[in-house]
């Protein structure tokens, strides 16, 4: 009798799922971003087909999206964990300036200069996380303060050391070409030029997805983002998880900063300012909720890809690039609406399945 009841409950659940194809589709976190990516791709394919529908067009899109995608992966993990980092953008510039000044002003090889820059980035990430978990202040406030501290220091220290707000001639230091081959090597594939930053993005996204979906640590990230107090009550080291997530974002900022200085052969004090909002918009477009506890790395990568397509597509279409930020605002609003709808559909499917099980068990 018990076996028959379980079988009927299973059949009832299957019927609920089968009759709601759209609901089942919208249970996926990434579906809204995927639909948006398809729409953007088709739109620019119609507007600028001569450039868009080529392997060169693909390489341009991936190049534009790669560094944003790297940051989007880290920021997605942090937002799923229920926190924000408004200092992530300016930290990319800070890391580049530190490495650049140590190499050009003190005569260090590029590798120890980059190592010192990495240690600094980890310290900033630890400070942000420690402040959030120990003071219980909102991460918005803590990292906003860090943003202003770094922004002022970038300009002040750089001007004090170089008499300008620019560190140049980084390509003249020892080890530069090796660093460029690692972080920003350009290579030919199918007749188009790609960069190793795209490979970095793919590898990082794969690792982060595996951690989030297949490990206990990934479960902890979702737990602390959904309800940190409840997570602590069941033994999740919530404070350590949050600090580690802030440090992960800082490491990603360091990596993007290194990619920037080897590509541009210089570092500017204004580098990265304002990009923190772009990271957040890309992640939200990818399905992450601003309230935490929900989202995916793949969705964040799709959000970054949409940005890459929009940035390149506007150029291919010959439009004024000033409209790009208007596009960002529209995309943020649409993404939030789609994410809310997706979450409601997912909750509806779960409630319907639970009711079906309860009714069958009662019989």
Protein backbone atom coordinates (compact mmCIF):
# COMPACT_ATOMS: atom_id res chain seq x y z
CA UNK A 1 0.00 0.00 0.00
CA UNK A 2 2.77 2.43 0.89
CA UNK A 3 4.57 1.57 -2.34
CA UNK A 4 1.43 2.29 -4.37
CA UNK A 5 0.97 5.63 -2.61
CA UNK A 6 4.53 6.67 -3.40
CA UNK A 7 4.10 5.61 -7.02
CA UNK A 8 0.89 7.66 -7.35
CA UNK A 9 2.61 10.68 -5.79
CA UNK A 10 5.48 10.33 -8.25
CA UNK A 11 3.05 10.10 -11.15
CA UNK A 12 1.18 13.15 -9.88
CA UNK A 13 4.41 15.13 -9.68
CA UNK A 14 5.32 14.06 -13.21
CA UNK A 15 1.92 15.16 -14.50
CA UNK A 16 2.28 18.56 -12.85
CA UNK A 17 5.65 19.10 -14.46
CA UNK A 18 4.63 17.79 -17.89
CA UNK A 19 1.59 20.06 -18.10
CA UNK A 20 3.63 23.15 -17.32
CA UNK A 21 6.30 23.32 -20.02
CA UNK A 22 6.67 27.09 -19.74
CA UNK A 23 6.87 26.89 -15.98
CA UNK A 24 9.47 24.16 -16.20
CA UNK A 25 11.48 26.28 -18.63
CA UNK A 26 11.33 29.34 -16.41
CA UNK A 27 12.58 27.38 -13.43
CA UNK A 28 16.02 27.76 -14.96
CA UNK A 29 17.89 30.73 -13.54
CA UNK A 30 19.56 31.51 -16.86
CA UNK A 31 16.51 31.43 -19.11
CA UNK A 32 15.80 35.16 -19.01
CA UNK A 33 19.39 36.02 -19.86
CA UNK A 34 19.50 33.40 -22.61
CA UNK A 35 16.37 34.80 -24.23
CA UNK A 36 17.82 38.29 -23.97
CA UNK A 37 21.08 37.15 -25.57
CA UNK A 38 19.22 35.57 -28.48
CA UNK A 39 17.16 38.73 -29.01
CA UNK A 40 20.24 40.98 -28.96
CA UNK A 41 22.14 38.68 -31.33
CA UNK A 42 19.29 38.49 -33.83
CA UNK A 43 18.76 42.24 -33.66
CA UNK A 44 22.35 43.11 -34.55
CA UNK A 45 22.47 40.30 -37.10
CA UNK A 46 19.69 42.14 -38.92
CA UNK A 47 21.11 45.63 -38.38
CA UNK A 48 24.78 44.95 -39.22
CA UNK A 49 25.02 41.51 -40.89
CA UNK A 50 28.19 42.27 -42.88
CA UNK A 51 30.34 42.46 -39.74
CA UNK A 52 28.19 40.58 -37.26
CA UNK A 53 27.88 37.24 -39.05
CA UNK A 54 31.63 36.59 -39.26
CA UNK A 55 34.23 34.87 -37.11
CA UNK A 56 35.87 38.26 -36.67
CA UNK A 57 32.62 39.55 -35.22
CA UNK A 58 32.59 36.65 -32.76
CA UNK A 59 36.17 37.35 -31.71
CA UNK A 60 35.35 41.02 -31.13
CA UNK A 61 32.36 40.12 -28.98
CA UNK A 62 34.30 37.62 -26.87
CA UNK A 63 37.18 40.03 -26.45
CA UNK A 64 34.82 42.74 -25.23
CA UNK A 65 32.98 40.40 -22.87
CA UNK A 66 35.92 38.41 -21.45
CA UNK A 67 37.23 40.70 -18.70
CA UNK A 68 33.69 41.71 -17.77
CA UNK A 69 32.82 38.02 -17.67
CA UNK A 70 35.67 37.24 -15.29
CA UNK A 71 34.45 39.90 -12.89
CA UNK A 72 30.82 38.83 -13.38
CA UNK A 73 31.68 35.30 -12.21
CA UNK A 74 33.20 36.54 -8.95
CA UNK A 75 30.51 39.16 -8.36
CA UNK A 76 27.81 36.54 -9.01
CA UNK A 77 29.22 34.29 -6.29
CA UNK A 78 29.33 37.24 -3.90
CA UNK A 79 25.77 38.32 -4.71
CA UNK A 80 24.46 34.78 -4.36
CA UNK A 81 26.11 34.92 -0.94
CA UNK A 82 24.00 37.99 -0.19
CA UNK A 83 26.59 40.76 -0.46
CA UNK A 84 27.78 43.54 -2.81
CA UNK A 85 31.22 44.93 -3.60
CA UNK A 86 31.19 48.49 -4.93
CA UNK A 87 34.98 48.68 -4.76
CA UNK A 88 35.58 45.91 -7.31
CA UNK A 89 35.81 48.24 -10.29
CA UNK A 90 38.25 50.76 -8.85
CA UNK A 91 40.33 47.92 -7.37
CA UNK A 92 41.17 46.72 -10.89
CA UNK A 93 42.82 50.10 -11.48
CA UNK A 94 44.51 50.10 -8.08
CA UNK A 95 46.10 46.71 -8.69
CA UNK A 96 47.37 47.84 -12.07
CA UNK A 97 48.83 51.04 -10.61
CA UNK A 98 50.59 49.20 -7.79
CA UNK A 99 52.19 46.69 -10.15
CA UNK A 100 53.07 49.41 -12.63
CA UNK A 101 54.66 51.76 -10.12
CA UNK A 102 56.66 49.03 -8.38
CA UNK A 103 58.00 47.88 -11.73
CA UNK A 104 58.77 51.26 -13.29
CA UNK A 105 59.74 53.29 -10.24
CA UNK A 106 61.54 50.71 -8.09
CA UNK A 107 62.94 48.64 -10.93
CA UNK A 108 61.29 45.37 -9.90
CA UNK A 109 60.58 42.64 -12.41
CA UNK A 110 56.94 42.49 -13.42
CA UNK A 111 56.36 39.23 -11.53
CA UNK A 112 57.23 40.37 -7.97
CA UNK A 113 55.40 43.63 -8.69
CA UNK A 114 52.30 41.63 -9.64
CA UNK A 115 52.72 39.44 -6.57
CA UNK A 116 52.74 42.47 -4.25
CA UNK A 117 49.67 43.77 -6.06
CA UNK A 118 47.91 40.43 -5.48
CA UNK A 119 48.69 40.55 -1.76
CA UNK A 120 47.23 44.04 -1.62
CA UNK A 121 44.06 42.88 -3.40
CA UNK A 122 43.65 40.00 -0.96
CA UNK A 123 44.08 42.42 1.95
CA UNK A 124 41.36 44.71 0.56
CA UNK A 125 39.01 41.77 0.09
CA UNK A 126 39.70 40.52 3.61
CA UNK A 127 39.15 44.00 5.04
CA UNK A 128 35.80 44.37 3.28
CA UNK A 129 34.63 40.95 4.41
CA UNK A 130 35.89 41.38 7.97
CA UNK A 131 34.16 44.74 8.31
CA UNK A 132 30.87 43.37 7.01
CA UNK A 133 30.73 40.28 9.23
CA UNK A 134 32.04 41.97 12.39
CA UNK A 135 30.28 45.32 12.28
CA UNK A 136 27.08 43.98 10.62
CA UNK A 137 27.10 47.08 8.45
CA UNK A 138 25.60 46.64 4.97
CA UNK A 139 28.24 45.65 2.43
CA UNK A 140 26.93 48.47 0.26
CA UNK A 141 28.20 51.00 2.83
CA UNK A 142 31.48 49.26 3.65
CA UNK A 143 32.56 48.76 0.04
CA UNK A 144 31.36 52.22 -0.96
CA UNK A 145 33.75 53.62 1.65
CA UNK A 146 36.51 51.40 0.25
CA UNK A 147 35.69 52.67 -3.23
CA UNK A 148 36.25 56.30 -2.23
CA UNK A 149 39.42 55.48 -0.29
CA UNK A 150 40.93 53.67 -3.27
CA UNK A 151 39.75 56.25 -5.78
CA UNK A 152 41.41 59.08 -3.85
CA UNK A 153 44.57 57.08 -3.21
CA UNK A 154 44.86 56.13 -6.88
CA UNK A 155 45.01 59.75 -7.93
CA UNK A 156 46.97 61.10 -4.96
CA UNK A 157 49.70 58.46 -4.78
CA UNK A 158 50.15 58.22 -8.55
CA UNK A 159 50.50 61.98 -8.90
CA UNK A 160 52.90 62.07 -5.95
CA UNK A 161 55.16 59.37 -7.41
CA UNK A 162 55.00 60.08 -11.15
CA UNK A 163 53.86 63.72 -11.21
CA UNK A 164 51.01 62.50 -13.41
CA UNK A 165 47.92 60.32 -13.07
CA UNK A 166 49.43 57.80 -15.46
CA UNK A 167 52.05 55.07 -15.12
CA UNK A 168 53.63 54.44 -18.51
CA UNK A 169 56.46 52.36 -20.04
CA UNK A 170 55.37 49.20 -18.25
CA UNK A 171 56.36 47.28 -21.36
CA UNK A 172 60.01 48.24 -20.70
CA UNK A 173 60.33 46.30 -17.44
CA UNK A 174 61.81 42.82 -17.11
CA UNK A 175 59.39 39.95 -17.64
CA UNK A 176 56.74 42.02 -19.40
CA UNK A 177 56.47 39.84 -22.51
CA UNK A 178 56.14 36.68 -20.43
CA UNK A 179 53.36 38.31 -18.45
CA UNK A 180 51.64 39.42 -21.62
CA UNK A 181 51.82 35.91 -23.05
CA UNK A 182 50.09 34.61 -19.94
CA UNK A 183 47.44 37.27 -19.42
CA UNK A 184 46.74 38.74 -22.83
CA UNK A 185 48.33 36.74 -25.64
CA UNK A 186 46.72 37.26 -29.04
CA UNK A 187 46.40 34.15 -31.20
CA UNK A 188 44.83 33.30 -34.53
CA UNK A 189 41.92 30.86 -34.83
CA UNK A 190 39.81 30.26 -37.95
CA UNK A 191 41.18 33.41 -39.50
CA UNK A 192 40.33 35.71 -36.59
CA UNK A 193 42.32 37.06 -33.66
CA UNK A 194 41.40 35.91 -30.17
CA UNK A 195 43.01 36.62 -26.78
CA UNK A 196 43.87 34.43 -23.84
CA UNK A 197 41.55 36.54 -21.67
CA UNK A 198 38.69 34.58 -23.27
CA UNK A 199 40.31 31.29 -22.23
CA UNK A 200 40.77 32.64 -18.69
CA UNK A 201 37.07 33.53 -18.62
CA UNK A 202 35.94 30.08 -19.77
CA UNK A 203 38.18 28.22 -17.32
CA UNK A 204 37.18 30.43 -14.38
CA UNK A 205 33.49 30.09 -15.22
CA UNK A 206 33.81 26.29 -15.41
CA UNK A 207 35.57 26.07 -12.04
CA UNK A 208 33.12 28.46 -10.35
CA UNK A 209 30.12 26.56 -11.74
CA UNK A 210 31.51 23.29 -10.45
CA UNK A 211 32.15 24.76 -7.02
CA UNK A 212 28.70 26.33 -6.83
CA UNK A 213 26.73 23.33 -8.08
CA UNK A 214 28.79 20.29 -7.02
CA UNK A 215 30.47 21.06 -3.72
CA UNK A 216 29.50 21.62 -0.12
CA UNK A 217 31.03 25.07 -0.30
CA UNK A 218 28.58 25.95 -3.07
CA UNK A 219 25.70 24.91 -0.82
CA UNK A 220 27.11 27.15 1.88
CA UNK A 221 27.14 30.10 -0.53
CA UNK A 222 23.45 29.63 -1.30
CA UNK A 223 22.69 29.10 2.39
CA UNK A 224 24.36 32.28 3.67
CA UNK A 225 22.77 34.29 0.86
CA UNK A 226 19.31 32.94 1.58
CA UNK A 227 19.40 33.29 5.37
CA UNK A 228 22.74 33.76 7.12
CA UNK A 229 21.26 33.29 10.61
CA UNK A 230 19.63 29.98 9.69
CA UNK A 231 22.86 28.90 7.98
CA UNK A 232 24.85 29.59 11.15
CA UNK A 233 22.31 27.64 13.21
CA UNK A 234 22.93 24.51 11.15
CA UNK A 235 26.70 24.80 11.36
CA UNK A 236 27.61 26.71 8.20
CA UNK A 237 30.68 28.95 8.79
CA UNK A 238 28.83 31.96 7.38
CA UNK A 239 31.41 34.56 8.35
CA UNK A 240 34.29 32.66 6.76
CA UNK A 241 32.26 32.08 3.61
CA UNK A 242 31.45 35.76 3.22
CA UNK A 243 35.04 36.85 3.80
CA UNK A 244 36.25 34.29 1.26
CA UNK A 245 33.75 35.58 -1.30
CA UNK A 246 34.97 39.15 -0.87
CA UNK A 247 38.55 37.94 -1.31
CA UNK A 248 37.55 36.01 -4.43
CA UNK A 249 36.13 39.19 -5.94
CA UNK A 250 39.36 41.01 -5.11
CA UNK A 251 41.46 38.31 -6.81
CA UNK A 252 39.28 38.62 -9.91
CA UNK A 253 39.83 42.40 -9.83
CA UNK A 254 43.58 41.82 -9.60
CA UNK A 255 43.50 39.47 -12.58
CA UNK A 256 41.55 41.95 -14.71
CA UNK A 257 43.94 44.70 -13.62
CA UNK A 258 46.94 42.66 -14.76
CA UNK A 259 45.26 41.97 -18.09
CA UNK A 260 44.68 45.68 -18.52
CA UNK A 261 48.25 46.82 -17.90
CA UNK A 262 49.83 44.21 -20.16
CA UNK A 263 47.41 45.08 -22.95
CA UNK A 264 47.66 48.87 -22.63
CA UNK A 265 51.29 48.91 -21.42
CA UNK A 266 50.23 51.56 -18.91
CA UNK A 267 47.96 52.17 -15.93
CA UNK A 268 45.64 55.13 -15.40
CA UNK A 269 44.37 56.38 -12.04
CA UNK A 270 40.78 56.49 -13.31
CA UNK A 271 40.80 52.86 -14.51
CA UNK A 272 37.77 50.83 -13.43
CA UNK A 273 35.75 53.66 -11.90
CA UNK A 274 32.08 53.04 -12.56
CA UNK A 275 32.61 49.46 -13.74
CA UNK A 276 31.32 48.04 -10.46
CA UNK A 277 27.79 48.95 -11.55
CA UNK A 278 28.34 47.27 -14.91
CA UNK A 279 29.41 44.08 -13.10
CA UNK A 280 26.27 44.12 -10.97
CA UNK A 281 24.01 44.79 -13.96
CA UNK A 282 25.59 41.90 -15.87
CA UNK A 283 25.05 39.57 -12.92
CA UNK A 284 21.45 40.68 -12.38
CA UNK A 285 20.80 40.29 -16.11
CA UNK A 286 22.10 36.74 -15.71
CA UNK A 287 19.42 35.88 -13.16
CA UNK A 288 20.96 36.66 -9.76
CA UNK A 289 18.65 38.32 -7.28
CA UNK A 290 19.72 41.48 -5.49
CA UNK A 291 18.48 39.89 -2.26
CA UNK A 292 20.92 36.96 -2.50
CA UNK A 293 20.51 33.20 -2.30
CA UNK A 294 19.59 32.74 -5.96
CA UNK A 295 21.50 32.81 -9.23
CA UNK A 296 24.08 31.05 -11.34
CA UNK A 297 27.54 31.57 -12.79
CA UNK A 298 26.40 30.59 -16.29
CA UNK A 299 23.69 33.24 -16.15
CA UNK A 300 26.25 35.88 -15.14
CA UNK A 301 28.43 34.86 -18.09
CA UNK A 302 25.46 35.22 -20.43
CA UNK A 303 24.84 38.66 -18.96
CA UNK A 304 28.46 39.62 -19.71
CA UNK A 305 28.07 38.23 -23.23
CA UNK A 306 25.02 40.45 -23.77
CA UNK A 307 27.13 43.45 -22.80
CA UNK A 308 29.83 42.38 -25.22
CA UNK A 309 27.31 42.01 -28.01
CA UNK A 310 25.74 45.39 -27.28
CA UNK A 311 29.09 47.18 -27.08
CA UNK A 312 30.37 45.70 -30.34
CA UNK A 313 27.00 45.77 -32.08
CA UNK A 314 26.56 49.49 -31.54
CA UNK A 315 29.94 50.10 -33.16
CA UNK A 316 29.19 47.75 -36.06
CA UNK A 317 25.88 49.51 -36.63
CA UNK A 318 27.61 52.91 -36.73
CA UNK A 319 25.56 54.34 -33.86
CA UNK A 320 26.62 56.87 -31.27
CA UNK A 321 28.26 54.92 -28.44
CA UNK A 322 26.85 57.38 -25.91
CA UNK A 323 23.61 55.39 -26.10
CA UNK A 324 25.31 52.35 -24.61
CA UNK A 325 24.60 53.40 -21.04
CA UNK A 326 20.96 53.99 -21.83
CA UNK A 327 20.93 50.40 -23.03
CA UNK A 328 22.43 49.31 -19.70
CA UNK A 329 19.67 51.02 -17.77
CA UNK A 330 16.94 49.46 -19.88
CA UNK A 331 18.55 46.04 -19.62
CA UNK A 332 18.76 46.30 -15.82
CA UNK A 333 15.07 47.13 -15.51
CA UNK A 334 14.01 44.36 -17.88
CA UNK A 335 16.31 41.86 -16.16
CA UNK A 336 14.85 42.58 -12.72
CA UNK A 337 11.31 42.11 -14.05
CA UNK A 338 12.24 38.84 -15.76
CA UNK A 339 14.07 37.57 -12.66
CA UNK A 340 11.06 38.26 -10.46
CA UNK A 341 8.80 36.44 -12.92
CA UNK A 342 11.22 33.50 -13.10
CA UNK A 343 11.33 33.17 -9.33
CA UNK A 344 7.52 33.28 -9.07
CA UNK A 345 7.18 30.56 -11.73
CA UNK A 346 9.75 28.39 -9.96
CA UNK A 347 7.95 28.84 -6.64
CA UNK A 348 4.60 28.02 -8.28
CA UNK A 349 5.97 24.74 -9.67
CA UNK A 350 7.38 23.79 -6.28
CA UNK A 351 4.10 24.57 -4.47
CA UNK A 352 2.05 22.63 -7.05
CA UNK A 353 4.30 19.57 -6.71
CA UNK A 354 4.14 19.73 -2.91
CA UNK A 355 0.34 19.90 -2.97
CA UNK A 356 0.18 16.92 -5.33
CA UNK A 357 2.35 14.86 -2.99
CA UNK A 358 0.26 15.84 0.03
CA UNK A 359 -3.02 14.94 -1.67
CA UNK A 360 -1.76 11.57 -2.87
CA UNK A 361 -0.29 10.69 0.52
CA UNK A 362 -3.62 11.60 2.14
CA UNK A 363 -5.40 9.11 -0.08
